[in-house]
Amino acid sequence: MRLSPRDPALSRWHNFMADAEIGLRHFDAAIDECNKAIDGGYRVFYSYLNLAVARAFKGEMDEAKAALAEARRLNPKLSC
């Protein structure tokens, strides 16, 4: 990511980093990565799902519910 900061897929990579940060239980870092992915234009259900997971693990249930609602809006077949 440092070697190719203008990579058109950079937002997707931020989402992958969010996956890794969640696995490491670094929830603040995961939220930052999710926000970078979303702000960079990677507005797919999985970005919001990662955001919901990280927020829920932090105990931020209202924010988690909002992110999950957006994930469900983007993918109506999503069941959680």
PDB file of N, CA and C in Angstrom:
ATOM      1  N   MET A   1       0.827  -1.184   0.000  1.00  0.00           N
ATOM      2  CA  MET A   1       0.000   0.000   0.000  1.00  0.00           C
ATOM      3  C   MET A   1       0.875   1.253   0.000  1.00  0.00           C
ATOM      4  N   ARG A   2       1.988   1.185   0.684  1.00  0.00           N
ATOM      5  CA  ARG A   2       2.914   2.325   0.663  1.00  0.00           C
ATOM      6  C   ARG A   2       3.591   2.444  -0.692  1.00  0.00           C
ATOM      7  N   LEU A   3       3.830   1.325  -1.357  1.00  0.00           N
ATOM      8  CA  LEU A   3       4.527   1.348  -2.641  1.00  0.00           C
ATOM      9  C   LEU A   3       3.625   1.808  -3.786  1.00  0.00           C
ATOM     10  N   SER A   4       2.332   1.664  -3.619  1.00  0.00           N
ATOM     11  CA  SER A   4       1.399   2.035  -4.678  1.00  0.00           C
ATOM     12  C   SER A   4       0.209   2.797  -4.097  1.00  0.00           C
ATOM     13  N   PRO A   5       0.443   4.011  -3.606  1.00  0.00           N
ATOM     14  CA  PRO A   5      -0.624   4.754  -2.927  1.00  0.00           C
ATOM     15  C   PRO A   5      -1.766   5.204  -3.842  1.00  0.00           C
ATOM     16  N   ARG A   6      -1.586   5.112  -5.142  1.00  0.00           N
ATOM     17  CA  ARG A   6      -2.655   5.490  -6.070  1.00  0.00           C
ATOM     18  C   ARG A   6      -3.271   4.272  -6.748  1.00  0.00           C
ATOM     19  N   ASP A   7      -3.059   3.119  -6.161  1.00  0.00           N
ATOM     20  CA  ASP A   7      -3.640   1.882  -6.688  1.00  0.00           C
ATOM     21  C   ASP A   7      -5.157   2.021  -6.721  1.00  0.00           C
ATOM     22  N   PRO A   8      -5.796   1.746  -7.871  1.00  0.00           N
ATOM     23  CA  PRO A   8      -7.252   1.865  -7.926  1.00  0.00           C
ATOM     24  C   PRO A   8      -7.977   0.911  -6.976  1.00  0.00           C
ATOM     25  N   ALA A   9      -7.313  -0.140  -6.551  1.00  0.00           N
ATOM     26  CA  ALA A   9      -7.923  -1.105  -5.631  1.00  0.00           C
ATOM     27  C   ALA A   9      -7.543  -0.842  -4.181  1.00  0.00           C
ATOM     28  N   LEU A  10      -6.982   0.311  -3.899  1.00  0.00           N
ATOM     29  CA  LEU A  10      -6.495   0.607  -2.547  1.00  0.00           C
ATOM     30  C   LEU A  10      -7.594   0.485  -1.496  1.00  0.00           C
ATOM     31  N   SER A  11      -8.781   0.936  -1.821  1.00  0.00           N
ATOM     32  CA  SER A  11      -9.884   0.854  -0.846  1.00  0.00           C
ATOM     33  C   SER A  11     -10.197  -0.594  -0.491  1.00  0.00           C
ATOM     34  N   ARG A  12     -10.118  -1.470  -1.474  1.00  0.00           N
ATOM     35  CA  ARG A  12     -10.344  -2.898  -1.217  1.00  0.00           C
ATOM     36  C   ARG A  12      -9.272  -3.437  -0.267  1.00  0.00           C
ATOM     37  N   TRP A  13      -8.044  -3.001  -0.451  1.00  0.00           N
ATOM     38  CA  TRP A  13      -6.971  -3.449   0.434  1.00  0.00           C
ATOM     39  C   TRP A  13      -7.198  -2.977   1.866  1.00  0.00           C
ATOM     40  N   HIS A  14      -7.739  -1.776   2.009  1.00  0.00           N
ATOM     41  CA  HIS A  14      -8.063  -1.299   3.362  1.00  0.00           C
ATOM     42  C   HIS A  14      -9.102  -2.219   4.006  1.00  0.00           C
ATOM     43  N   ASN A  15     -10.031  -2.709   3.220  1.00  0.00           N
ATOM     44  CA  ASN A  15     -11.030  -3.629   3.765  1.00  0.00           C
ATOM     45  C   ASN A  15     -10.377  -4.943   4.195  1.00  0.00           C
ATOM     46  N   PHE A  16      -9.419  -5.424   3.415  1.00  0.00           N
ATOM     47  CA  PHE A  16      -8.691  -6.639   3.808  1.00  0.00           C
ATOM     48  C   PHE A  16      -7.898  -6.397   5.090  1.00  0.00           C
ATOM     49  N   MET A  17      -7.332  -5.199   5.224  1.00  0.00           N
ATOM     50  CA  MET A  17      -6.608  -4.859   6.457  1.00  0.00           C
ATOM     51  C   MET A  17      -7.567  -4.838   7.644  1.00  0.00           C
ATOM     52  N   ALA A  18      -8.785  -4.388   7.421  1.00  0.00           N
ATOM     53  CA  ALA A  18      -9.784  -4.391   8.494  1.00  0.00           C
ATOM     54  C   ALA A  18     -10.055  -5.821   8.950  1.00  0.00           C
ATOM     55  N   ASP A  19     -10.152  -6.754   7.992  1.00  0.00           N
ATOM     56  CA  ASP A  19     -10.310  -8.175   8.350  1.00  0.00           C
ATOM     57  C   ASP A  19      -9.193  -8.626   9.278  1.00  0.00           C
ATOM     58  N   ALA A  20      -7.966  -8.290   8.908  1.00  0.00           N
ATOM     59  CA  ALA A  20      -6.809  -8.704   9.701  1.00  0.00           C
ATOM     60  C   ALA A  20      -6.842  -8.063  11.087  1.00  0.00           C
ATOM     61  N   GLU A  21      -7.156  -6.785  11.146  1.00  0.00           N
ATOM     62  CA  GLU A  21      -7.202  -6.088  12.437  1.00  0.00           C
ATOM     63  C   GLU A  21      -8.284  -6.666  13.344  1.00  0.00           C
ATOM     64  N   ILE A  22      -9.412  -7.053  12.777  1.00  0.00           N
ATOM     65  CA  ILE A  22     -10.458  -7.687  13.582  1.00  0.00           C
ATOM     66  C   ILE A  22      -9.947  -9.004  14.142  1.00  0.00           C
ATOM     67  N   GLY A  23      -9.276  -9.782  13.308  1.00  0.00           N
ATOM     68  CA  GLY A  23      -8.716 -11.051  13.760  1.00  0.00           C
ATOM     69  C   GLY A  23      -7.706 -10.886  14.877  1.00  0.00           C
ATOM     70  N   LEU A  24      -6.989  -9.771  14.854  1.00  0.00           N
ATOM     71  CA  LEU A  24      -5.997  -9.480  15.897  1.00  0.00           C
ATOM     72  C   LEU A  24      -6.620  -8.788  17.118  1.00  0.00           C
ATOM     73  N   ARG A  25      -7.919  -8.529  17.038  1.00  0.00           N
ATOM     74  CA  ARG A  25      -8.660  -7.853  18.098  1.00  0.00           C
ATOM     75  C   ARG A  25      -8.205  -6.400  18.283  1.00  0.00           C
ATOM     76  N   HIS A  26      -7.769  -5.793  17.190  1.00  0.00           N
ATOM     77  CA  HIS A  26      -7.401  -4.369  17.167  1.00  0.00           C
ATOM     78  C   HIS A  26      -8.586  -3.616  16.568  1.00  0.00           C
ATOM     79  N   PHE A  27      -9.609  -3.421  17.369  1.00  0.00           N
ATOM     80  CA  PHE A  27     -10.869  -2.930  16.845  1.00  0.00           C
ATOM     81  C   PHE A  27     -10.827  -1.469  16.422  1.00  0.00           C
ATOM     82  N   ASP A  28     -10.072  -0.642  17.119  1.00  0.00           N
ATOM     83  CA  ASP A  28      -9.946   0.757  16.693  1.00  0.00           C
ATOM     84  C   ASP A  28      -9.267   0.836  15.329  1.00  0.00           C
ATOM     85  N   ALA A  29      -8.217   0.044  15.146  1.00  0.00           N
ATOM     86  CA  ALA A  29      -7.521   0.013  13.857  1.00  0.00           C
ATOM     87  C   ALA A  29      -8.437  -0.537  12.766  1.00  0.00           C
ATOM     88  N   ALA A  30      -9.247  -1.526  13.101  1.00  0.00           N
ATOM     89  CA  ALA A  30     -10.192  -2.091  12.131  1.00  0.00           C
ATOM     90  C   ALA A  30     -11.209  -1.042  11.700  1.00  0.00           C
ATOM     91  N   ILE A  31     -11.696  -0.266  12.654  1.00  0.00           N
ATOM     92  CA  ILE A  31     -12.654   0.798  12.328  1.00  0.00           C
ATOM     93  C   ILE A  31     -12.007   1.832  11.417  1.00  0.00           C
ATOM     94  N   ASP A  32     -10.763   2.193  11.713  1.00  0.00           N
ATOM     95  CA  ASP A  32     -10.052   3.137  10.849  1.00  0.00           C
ATOM     96  C   ASP A  32      -9.916   2.595   9.430  1.00  0.00           C
ATOM     97  N   GLU A  33      -9.564   1.323   9.308  1.00  0.00           N
ATOM     98  CA  GLU A  33      -9.408   0.714   7.987  1.00  0.00           C
ATOM     99  C   GLU A  33     -10.749   0.640   7.252  1.00  0.00           C
ATOM    100  N   CYS A  34     -11.815   0.308   7.967  1.00  0.00           N
ATOM    101  CA  CYS A  34     -13.145   0.282   7.349  1.00  0.00           C
ATOM    102  C   CYS A  34     -13.516   1.660   6.828  1.00  0.00           C
ATOM    103  N   ASN A  35     -13.271   2.676   7.626  1.00  0.00           N
ATOM    104  CA  ASN A  35     -13.595   4.033   7.209  1.00  0.00           C
ATOM    105  C   ASN A  35     -12.771   4.459   6.000  1.00  0.00           C
ATOM    106  N   LYS A  36     -11.511   4.049   5.951  1.00  0.00           N
ATOM    107  CA  LYS A  36     -10.679   4.350   4.779  1.00  0.00           C
ATOM    108  C   LYS A  36     -11.232   3.647   3.537  1.00  0.00           C
ATOM    109  N   ALA A  37     -11.664   2.417   3.700  1.00  0.00           N
ATOM    110  CA  ALA A  37     -12.230   1.680   2.570  1.00  0.00           C
ATOM    111  C   ALA A  37     -13.503   2.354   2.073  1.00  0.00           C
ATOM    112  N   ILE A  38     -14.390   2.693   2.988  1.00  0.00           N
ATOM    113  CA  ILE A  38     -15.662   3.307   2.629  1.00  0.00           C
ATOM    114  C   ILE A  38     -15.437   4.700   2.040  1.00  0.00           C
ATOM    115  N   ASP A  39     -14.607   5.496   2.691  1.00  0.00           N
ATOM    116  CA  ASP A  39     -14.326   6.849   2.199  1.00  0.00           C
ATOM    117  C   ASP A  39     -13.637   6.823   0.842  1.00  0.00           C
ATOM    118  N   GLY A  40     -12.879   5.757   0.581  1.00  0.00           N
ATOM    119  CA  GLY A  40     -12.187   5.616  -0.696  1.00  0.00           C
ATOM    120  C   GLY A  40     -13.076   5.100  -1.813  1.00  0.00           C
ATOM    121  N   GLY A  41     -14.333   4.829  -1.505  1.00  0.00           N
ATOM    122  CA  GLY A  41     -15.270   4.412  -2.534  1.00  0.00           C
ATOM    123  C   GLY A  41     -15.629   2.945  -2.535  1.00  0.00           C
ATOM    124  N   TYR A  42     -15.055   2.172  -1.617  1.00  0.00           N
ATOM    125  CA  TYR A  42     -15.371   0.739  -1.558  1.00  0.00           C
ATOM    126  C   TYR A  42     -16.584   0.563  -0.651  1.00  0.00           C
ATOM    127  N   ARG A  43     -17.738   0.965  -1.179  1.00  0.00           N
ATOM    128  CA  ARG A  43     -18.985   0.954  -0.418  1.00  0.00           C
ATOM    129  C   ARG A  43     -19.786  -0.295  -0.749  1.00  0.00           C
ATOM    130  N   VAL A  44     -19.245  -1.416  -0.345  1.00  0.00           N
ATOM    131  CA  VAL A  44     -19.922  -2.696  -0.544  1.00  0.00           C
ATOM    132  C   VAL A  44     -20.350  -3.214   0.820  1.00  0.00           C
ATOM    133  N   PHE A  45     -21.247  -4.179   0.820  1.00  0.00           N
ATOM    134  CA  PHE A  45     -21.789  -4.644   2.094  1.00  0.00           C
ATOM    135  C   PHE A  45     -20.703  -5.137   3.037  1.00  0.00           C
ATOM    136  N   TYR A  46     -19.649  -5.727   2.480  1.00  0.00           N
ATOM    137  CA  TYR A  46     -18.625  -6.325   3.338  1.00  0.00           C
ATOM    138  C   TYR A  46     -17.864  -5.268   4.142  1.00  0.00           C
ATOM    139  N   SER A  47     -17.671  -4.094   3.585  1.00  0.00           N
ATOM    140  CA  SER A  47     -17.017  -3.017   4.331  1.00  0.00           C
ATOM    141  C   SER A  47     -17.852  -2.624   5.548  1.00  0.00           C
ATOM    142  N   TYR A  48     -19.147  -2.520   5.330  1.00  0.00           N
ATOM    143  CA  TYR A  48     -20.042  -2.154   6.431  1.00  0.00           C
ATOM    144  C   TYR A  48     -20.211  -3.303   7.419  1.00  0.00           C
ATOM    145  N   LEU A  49     -20.127  -4.520   6.934  1.00  0.00           N
ATOM    146  CA  LEU A  49     -20.206  -5.674   7.832  1.00  0.00           C
ATOM    147  C   LEU A  49     -18.987  -5.708   8.752  1.00  0.00           C
ATOM    148  N   ASN A  50     -17.803  -5.481   8.184  1.00  0.00           N
ATOM    149  CA  ASN A  50     -16.595  -5.390   9.014  1.00  0.00           C
ATOM    150  C   ASN A  50     -16.725  -4.269  10.040  1.00  0.00           C
ATOM    151  N   LEU A  51     -17.249  -3.139   9.605  1.00  0.00           N
ATOM    152  CA  LEU A  51     -17.423  -2.010  10.517  1.00  0.00           C
ATOM    153  C   LEU A  51     -18.386  -2.382  11.643  1.00  0.00           C
ATOM    154  N   ALA A  52     -19.464  -3.072  11.318  1.00  0.00           N
ATOM    155  CA  ALA A  52     -20.430  -3.498  12.335  1.00  0.00           C
ATOM    156  C   ALA A  52     -19.784  -4.452  13.341  1.00  0.00           C
ATOM    157  N   VAL A  53     -18.981  -5.377  12.846  1.00  0.00           N
ATOM    158  CA  VAL A  53     -18.314  -6.342  13.733  1.00  0.00           C
ATOM    159  C   VAL A  53     -17.367  -5.622  14.688  1.00  0.00           C
ATOM    160  N   ALA A  54     -16.537  -4.741  14.152  1.00  0.00           N
ATOM    161  CA  ALA A  54     -15.570  -4.030  14.998  1.00  0.00           C
ATOM    162  C   ALA A  54     -16.289  -3.165  16.037  1.00  0.00           C
ATOM    163  N   ARG A  55     -17.327  -2.474  15.600  1.00  0.00           N
ATOM    164  CA  ARG A  55     -18.082  -1.642  16.545  1.00  0.00           C
ATOM    165  C   ARG A  55     -18.755  -2.493  17.626  1.00  0.00           C
ATOM    166  N   ALA A  56     -19.304  -3.626  17.234  1.00  0.00           N
ATOM    167  CA  ALA A  56     -19.969  -4.495  18.212  1.00  0.00           C
ATOM    168  C   ALA A  56     -18.972  -5.031  19.234  1.00  0.00           C
ATOM    169  N   PHE A  57     -17.798  -5.434  18.782  1.00  0.00           N
ATOM    170  CA  PHE A  57     -16.785  -5.921  19.719  1.00  0.00           C
ATOM    171  C   PHE A  57     -16.344  -4.830  20.686  1.00  0.00           C
ATOM    172  N   LYS A  58     -16.401  -3.579  20.252  1.00  0.00           N
ATOM    173  CA  LYS A  58     -16.057  -2.464  21.144  1.00  0.00           C
ATOM    174  C   LYS A  58     -17.209  -2.096  22.065  1.00  0.00           C
ATOM    175  N   GLY A  59     -18.377  -2.696  21.838  1.00  0.00           N
ATOM    176  CA  GLY A  59     -19.533  -2.377  22.659  1.00  0.00           C
ATOM    177  C   GLY A  59     -20.309  -1.174  22.165  1.00  0.00           C
ATOM    178  N   GLU A  60     -20.010  -0.704  20.981  1.00  0.00           N
ATOM    179  CA  GLU A  60     -20.694   0.450  20.394  1.00  0.00           C
ATOM    180  C   GLU A  60     -21.884  -0.062  19.573  1.00  0.00           C
ATOM    181  N   MET A  61     -22.911  -0.488  20.278  1.00  0.00           N
ATOM    182  CA  MET A  61     -24.004  -1.210  19.641  1.00  0.00           C
ATOM    183  C   MET A  61     -24.838  -0.334  18.701  1.00  0.00           C
ATOM    184  N   ASP A  62     -25.071   0.912  19.020  1.00  0.00           N
ATOM    185  CA  ASP A  62     -25.852   1.762  18.122  1.00  0.00           C
ATOM    186  C   ASP A  62     -25.133   1.942  16.786  1.00  0.00           C
ATOM    187  N   GLU A  63     -23.809   2.192  16.848  1.00  0.00           N
ATOM    188  CA  GLU A  63     -23.028   2.339  15.629  1.00  0.00           C
ATOM    189  C   GLU A  63     -22.951   1.021  14.861  1.00  0.00           C
ATOM    190  N   ALA A  64     -22.853  -0.087  15.593  1.00  0.00           N
ATOM    191  CA  ALA A  64     -22.818  -1.405  14.953  1.00  0.00           C
ATOM    192  C   ALA A  64     -24.131  -1.681  14.218  1.00  0.00           C
ATOM    193  N   LYS A  65     -25.244  -1.341  14.849  1.00  0.00           N
ATOM    194  CA  LYS A  65     -26.547  -1.544  14.218  1.00  0.00           C
ATOM    195  C   LYS A  65     -26.701  -0.693  12.965  1.00  0.00           C
ATOM    196  N   ALA A  66     -26.199   0.521  13.007  1.00  0.00           N
ATOM    197  CA  ALA A  66     -26.284   1.396  11.829  1.00  0.00           C
ATOM    198  C   ALA A  66     -25.454   0.833  10.680  1.00  0.00           C
ATOM    199  N   ALA A  67     -24.252   0.355  10.986  1.00  0.00           N
ATOM    200  CA  ALA A  67     -23.397  -0.231   9.943  1.00  0.00           C
ATOM    201  C   ALA A  67     -24.023  -1.509   9.394  1.00  0.00           C
ATOM    202  N   LEU A  68     -24.617  -2.317  10.264  1.00  0.00           N
ATOM    203  CA  LEU A  68     -25.270  -3.546   9.820  1.00  0.00           C
ATOM    204  C   LEU A  68     -26.489  -3.227   8.952  1.00  0.00           C
ATOM    205  N   ALA A  69     -27.222  -2.191   9.293  1.00  0.00           N
ATOM    206  CA  ALA A  69     -28.370  -1.787   8.483  1.00  0.00           C
ATOM    207  C   ALA A  69     -27.922  -1.387   7.075  1.00  0.00           C
ATOM    208  N   GLU A  70     -26.798  -0.692   6.983  1.00  0.00           N
ATOM    209  CA  GLU A  70     -26.285  -0.310   5.665  1.00  0.00           C
ATOM    210  C   GLU A  70     -25.812  -1.542   4.894  1.00  0.00           C
ATOM    211  N   ALA A  71     -25.172  -2.478   5.570  1.00  0.00           N
ATOM    212  CA  ALA A  71     -24.752  -3.729   4.917  1.00  0.00           C
ATOM    213  C   ALA A  71     -25.963  -4.475   4.375  1.00  0.00           C
ATOM    214  N   ARG A  72     -27.021  -4.513   5.149  1.00  0.00           N
ATOM    215  CA  ARG A  72     -28.247  -5.196   4.707  1.00  0.00           C
ATOM    216  C   ARG A  72     -28.932  -4.446   3.573  1.00  0.00           C
ATOM    217  N   ARG A  73     -28.841  -3.132   3.576  1.00  0.00           N
ATOM    218  CA  ARG A  73     -29.414  -2.353   2.480  1.00  0.00           C
ATOM    219  C   ARG A  73     -28.681  -2.676   1.173  1.00  0.00           C
ATOM    220  N   LEU A  74     -27.363  -2.781   1.273  1.00  0.00           N
ATOM    221  CA  LEU A  74     -26.563  -3.078   0.092  1.00  0.00           C
ATOM    222  C   LEU A  74     -26.685  -4.525  -0.359  1.00  0.00           C
ATOM    223  N   ASN A  75     -26.970  -5.427   0.577  1.00  0.00           N
ATOM    224  CA  ASN A  75     -27.120  -6.847   0.250  1.00  0.00           C
ATOM    225  C   ASN A  75     -28.345  -7.375   1.003  1.00  0.00           C
ATOM    226  N   PRO A  76     -29.523  -7.253   0.411  1.00  0.00           N
ATOM    227  CA  PRO A  76     -30.758  -7.663   1.082  1.00  0.00           C
ATOM    228  C   PRO A  76     -30.799  -9.148   1.456  1.00  0.00           C
ATOM    229  N   LYS A  77     -29.978  -9.959   0.829  1.00  0.00           N
ATOM    230  CA  LYS A  77     -29.964 -11.390   1.133  1.00  0.00           C
ATOM    231  C   LYS A  77     -29.108 -11.711   2.358  1.00  0.00           C
ATOM    232  N   LEU A  78     -28.441 -10.705   2.899  1.00  0.00           N
ATOM    233  CA  LEU A  78     -27.580 -10.900   4.060  1.00  0.00           C
ATOM    234  C   LEU A  78     -28.415 -11.256   5.273  1.00  0.00           C
ATOM    235  N   SER A  79     -28.040 -12.337   5.947  1.00  0.00           N
ATOM    236  CA  SER A  79     -28.718 -12.701   7.188  1.00  0.00           C
ATOM    237  C   SER A  79     -27.678 -12.839   8.276  1.00  0.00           C
ATOM    238  N   CYS A  80     -27.934 -12.202   9.374  1.00  0.00           N
ATOM    239  CA  CYS A  80     -26.993 -12.227  10.500  1.00  0.00           C
ATOM    240  C   CYS A  80     -27.726 -12.607  11.773  1.00  0.00           C
TER     241      CYS A  80
END
